[in-house]
Amino acid sequence: MIFFERIKKLRAKGVIGMNFRNIELIGRCNERSKYPLVDNKLITKKIAKEAGIAVTELYGKIEWQSQLKNLHEILAPYQSFVIKPVHGSGGKGIVVITHREDDLFIRANGTSMTLTEIHTHITNILSGLYSLGGRYDIAIIEKMVEFDPVFQDYSYEGVPDVRLIVYKGYPMMAMMRCPTHESNGKANLHQGAVGVGIDIATGKATNAVQHNLPVTVHPNTKRDFSKLKIPQWEEILKIGAKCYDMTGLGYLGVDIVFDRNVGPLLLELNARPGLAIQIANDKGEYFRVKRIDQEAQGQSAEERVAFSRNMLSQI
């Protein structure tokens, strides 16, 4: 009986499940031929720059095992950097190096790696250990995002990011993922980061959860999430809307970070975004999907953003 009561409450909030997401949203709105635009981080960077959207700077890429004999020379110019698999997902395989101490590379969580350990990690990336479907992969080396102090109260040992769900070009739901000590400084909810629901109209926090349970303060900094407000909110939403224009994908996860010098940067895109954003917001996607289907008519990114802010916030 308790189970059915819970299902009833979830439906009343418009919470959707995997079947609805896979069939009605991903299956209906995302052409598989367009998946490489988001599944390949190098292609995503290219089309984003062409669309005038700022992305993290690319230092280099390693495609072949033979290139690793020059790893010391490749990394020599950089005191800090990020290593990622091109076809990775869910934050797997990402290594963030914040600085060096003698021959050691210091990670965001304070642990260290030797050059040999980085060599091994990149070998694992190339072999497909972290890629979608386990296929052969490429390692990219990017500039590390310089942490914006505006979020220092809501992050621990890492950089928070904003996840937008964009439906047919309309930013539909948003959350901020805040790293914790438990998540090892990663903005990954499954590893213990806090998901903070964000009001689509104002950029203000409305709710927060860790491991799907409600929280009111950051577990490490003890700062109250109710005081969190994301700056440049209009710009954040426009980036999300433009990502639809540049990919043609109708159901899209858009991840954005803040660099203290550059401002909002597109981190990556996801053609199969998860559903935890509903828990972070304590609201479901269903009624917002229906409102967009029934009433949305905006053509430009600006018009779609205006519709989202005016019509979706209270649903």
Foldseek 3Di string as FASTA:
>chain_A
DVVVVVVVLCVVQAADDPVCCVVVALVVFFDPVLVCCFQFQVNVCVLCVVLVAFAFAFLFKAQDLVCLVCVCVSCVVDQWKWKDWRRAPLPPLIWTFDGDDVQWTATLLGDTDGSVRVSVSQVCSQQQVGHVVSDGIMMTITHDFAEACVCVLQADSAFKKKKFKAAQLAGFWIWIQHYDVQLSHDSGLVSWTKIFTAQLQFQFTDFIDHPLHGDQARPPSRHGRRPDGDPPSLVVQLSSSVVCVSRVGRTKMWMWTQHNPPGIHTHGMDSRDDSCSCSNNVGHRRVSNVCCVPDDDDDHSNSSSVCNNVPRRVD
